[in-house]
Amino acid sequence: MTIFEGAPEFGVPRDDEAEKFWIETGVPKERIFQYGLKDNFWQMGETGPCGPCSEIFYDMGMEAAEHPGVDKPFGHDDARYVEIWNLVFMQFDRLAIVDNGKTVGYTLTHLPKPSIDTGMGLERVAAVLQGKVSNFETDLSRL
């Protein structure tokens, strides 16, 4: 699992709540990783609704590793560890700060009605459930 590590420069704290819920569901604390704005903060564009996210990853095993036989840890092998579910906590509206017609920065304001946007990769979950490394090896890809 991943959680948002926080971005104090934007007034967004670490997502302790998501971590707490993962632990309460039985996920060991050492299997919860925190990442920053690049990996665990979702936004559709430069401005608009956005927020921290939490993701569920699945270890596809050594046979799926980027480099066969090289056992890299989570976060260092994008082929082996595959995101299968994402939860975006839409809490903010990102607004541009404009000076003389040029964007000079951004601010985050709280949305009046925050929400959760969730998505699961059907093809990825099918691969996990069917014990396949590739989405294209599942019955979803057969005619």
Protein backbone atom coordinates (compact mmCIF):
# COMPACT_ATOMS: atom_id res chain seq x y z
CA MET A 1 0.00 0.00 0.00
CA THR A 2 1.08 3.57 -0.53
CA ILE A 3 0.04 6.74 1.22
CA PHE A 4 0.81 10.42 0.71
CA GLU A 5 3.89 11.62 2.61
CA GLY A 6 2.59 15.18 2.78
CA ALA A 7 3.57 18.48 1.22
CA PRO A 8 4.07 21.07 3.97
CA GLU A 9 4.94 23.71 1.36
CA PHE A 10 1.30 23.51 0.20
CA GLY A 11 -0.22 22.97 3.64
CA VAL A 12 -1.07 19.32 2.93
CA PRO A 13 -0.19 17.00 5.82
CA ARG A 14 0.95 13.39 5.68
CA ASP A 15 -2.02 11.04 5.22
CA ASP A 16 -1.97 9.48 8.68
CA GLU A 17 -5.66 8.60 8.34
CA ALA A 18 -5.12 6.31 5.33
CA GLU A 19 -2.20 4.64 7.11
CA LYS A 20 -4.37 4.09 10.19
CA PHE A 21 -7.13 2.48 8.14
CA TRP A 22 -4.69 0.18 6.30
CA ILE A 23 -3.25 -0.96 9.63
CA GLU A 24 -6.76 -1.51 11.05
CA THR A 25 -7.58 -3.78 8.08
CA GLY A 26 -4.55 -5.93 8.88
CA VAL A 27 -1.83 -4.49 6.63
CA PRO A 28 1.53 -4.61 8.47
CA LYS A 29 3.03 -1.12 8.93
CA GLU A 30 6.22 -2.17 7.10
CA ARG A 31 4.13 -2.83 3.96
CA ILE A 32 2.83 0.75 3.85
CA PHE A 33 5.06 3.09 1.85
CA GLN A 34 4.82 6.86 1.65
CA TYR A 35 5.39 8.85 -1.50
CA GLY A 36 5.17 12.51 -2.44
CA LEU A 37 3.48 14.79 -4.93
CA LYS A 38 4.79 12.98 -8.02
CA ASP A 39 3.46 9.53 -7.08
CA ASN A 40 0.70 9.97 -4.51
CA PHE A 41 -1.08 13.22 -5.28
CA TRP A 42 -3.61 13.17 -8.09
CA GLN A 43 -4.64 16.11 -10.25
CA MET A 44 -6.31 16.17 -13.63
CA GLY A 45 -4.50 19.26 -14.84
CA GLU A 46 -2.63 22.33 -13.69
CA THR A 47 -5.74 23.58 -11.91
CA GLY A 48 -8.92 22.02 -10.58
CA PRO A 49 -9.92 19.30 -8.08
CA CYS A 50 -7.04 17.28 -6.64
CA GLY A 51 -5.88 15.43 -3.57
CA PRO A 52 -3.68 12.83 -1.98
CA CYS A 53 -4.08 9.22 -2.98
CA SER A 54 -3.50 5.77 -1.57
CA GLU A 55 -2.78 2.79 -3.79
CA ILE A 56 -2.83 -0.98 -3.59
CA PHE A 57 0.01 -2.78 -5.33
CA TYR A 58 0.45 -6.47 -6.08
CA ASP A 59 3.77 -8.30 -6.31
CA MET A 60 3.60 -10.21 -9.60
CA GLY A 61 6.70 -12.19 -8.60
CA MET A 62 10.25 -12.51 -9.85
CA GLU A 63 9.08 -13.77 -13.26
CA ALA A 64 7.62 -10.31 -13.89
CA ALA A 65 10.74 -8.39 -12.79
CA GLU A 66 12.20 -5.73 -15.07
CA HIS A 67 15.53 -7.56 -15.00
CA PRO A 68 15.16 -11.37 -14.73
CA GLY A 69 16.74 -12.73 -11.57
CA VAL A 70 17.26 -9.29 -10.00
CA ASP A 71 15.24 -8.97 -6.79
CA LYS A 72 14.57 -5.26 -6.39
CA PRO A 73 12.48 -3.93 -3.49
CA PHE A 74 9.07 -2.31 -3.84
CA GLY A 75 9.28 1.07 -5.51
CA HIS A 76 12.30 0.08 -7.62
CA ASP A 77 10.72 -2.36 -10.09
CA ASP A 78 7.68 -1.04 -11.97
CA ALA A 79 7.11 -4.30 -13.84
CA ARG A 80 7.05 -6.58 -10.79
CA TYR A 81 4.94 -4.42 -8.46
CA VAL A 82 1.71 -3.43 -10.22
CA GLU A 83 -0.88 -0.95 -9.00
CA ILE A 84 -4.27 -2.63 -9.03
CA TRP A 85 -6.38 -0.11 -7.11
CA ASN A 86 -6.26 3.63 -6.46
CA LEU A 87 -8.14 5.80 -3.98
CA VAL A 88 -8.00 9.56 -4.58
CA PHE A 89 -9.14 11.75 -1.72
CA MET A 90 -10.45 14.79 -3.59
CA GLN A 91 -10.04 17.47 -0.95
CA PHE A 92 -8.65 20.51 -2.75
CA ASP A 93 -9.17 22.88 -5.62
CA ARG A 94 -5.85 23.94 -7.12
CA LEU A 95 -5.94 27.55 -8.27
CA ALA A 96 -3.34 29.44 -10.27
CA ILE A 97 -1.73 32.58 -8.86
CA VAL A 98 -1.49 34.96 -11.81
CA ASP A 99 0.66 38.08 -12.00
CA ASN A 100 0.51 40.23 -15.14
CA GLY A 101 -1.07 37.37 -17.08
CA LYS A 102 1.60 34.83 -16.08
CA THR A 103 1.13 31.94 -13.66
CA VAL A 104 3.61 32.40 -10.83
CA GLY A 105 2.36 29.70 -8.46
CA TYR A 106 -0.60 27.78 -7.14
CA THR A 107 -2.74 27.63 -4.03
CA LEU A 108 -4.85 24.83 -2.67
CA THR A 109 -8.24 25.57 -1.14
CA HIS A 110 -10.46 22.99 0.51
CA LEU A 111 -13.35 21.74 -1.60
CA PRO A 112 -16.79 22.44 -0.08
CA LYS A 113 -17.75 18.78 -0.62
CA PRO A 114 -14.68 16.48 -0.60
CA SER A 115 -15.09 13.04 -2.13
CA ILE A 116 -13.26 9.82 -2.89
CA ASP A 117 -12.57 8.74 -6.45
CA THR A 118 -11.65 5.10 -6.67
CA GLY A 119 -10.55 2.96 -9.56
CA MET A 120 -9.51 -0.62 -10.09
CA GLY A 121 -7.69 -1.99 -13.11
CA LEU A 122 -9.96 -4.82 -14.28
CA GLU A 123 -7.30 -6.31 -16.55
CA ARG A 124 -4.67 -6.19 -13.79
CA VAL A 125 -6.96 -7.81 -11.24
CA ALA A 126 -7.86 -10.51 -13.78
CA ALA A 127 -4.14 -11.21 -14.25
CA VAL A 128 -3.66 -11.50 -10.47
CA LEU A 129 -6.67 -13.78 -10.01
CA GLN A 130 -5.69 -15.98 -12.95
CA GLY A 131 -2.01 -16.17 -11.95
CA LYS A 132 -0.80 -14.46 -15.13
CA VAL A 133 2.07 -11.99 -15.44
CA SER A 134 0.60 -10.12 -18.40
CA ASN A 135 -2.90 -8.73 -18.88
CA PHE A 136 -2.79 -10.17 -22.38
CA GLU A 137 -2.48 -13.73 -21.04
CA THR A 138 -5.87 -13.57 -19.29
CA ASP A 139 -9.21 -14.80 -20.56
CA LEU A 140 -10.22 -11.15 -21.09
CA SER A 141 -7.92 -11.10 -24.14
CA ARG A 142 -9.17 -14.31 -25.72
CA LEU A 143 -11.89 -14.32 -28.35
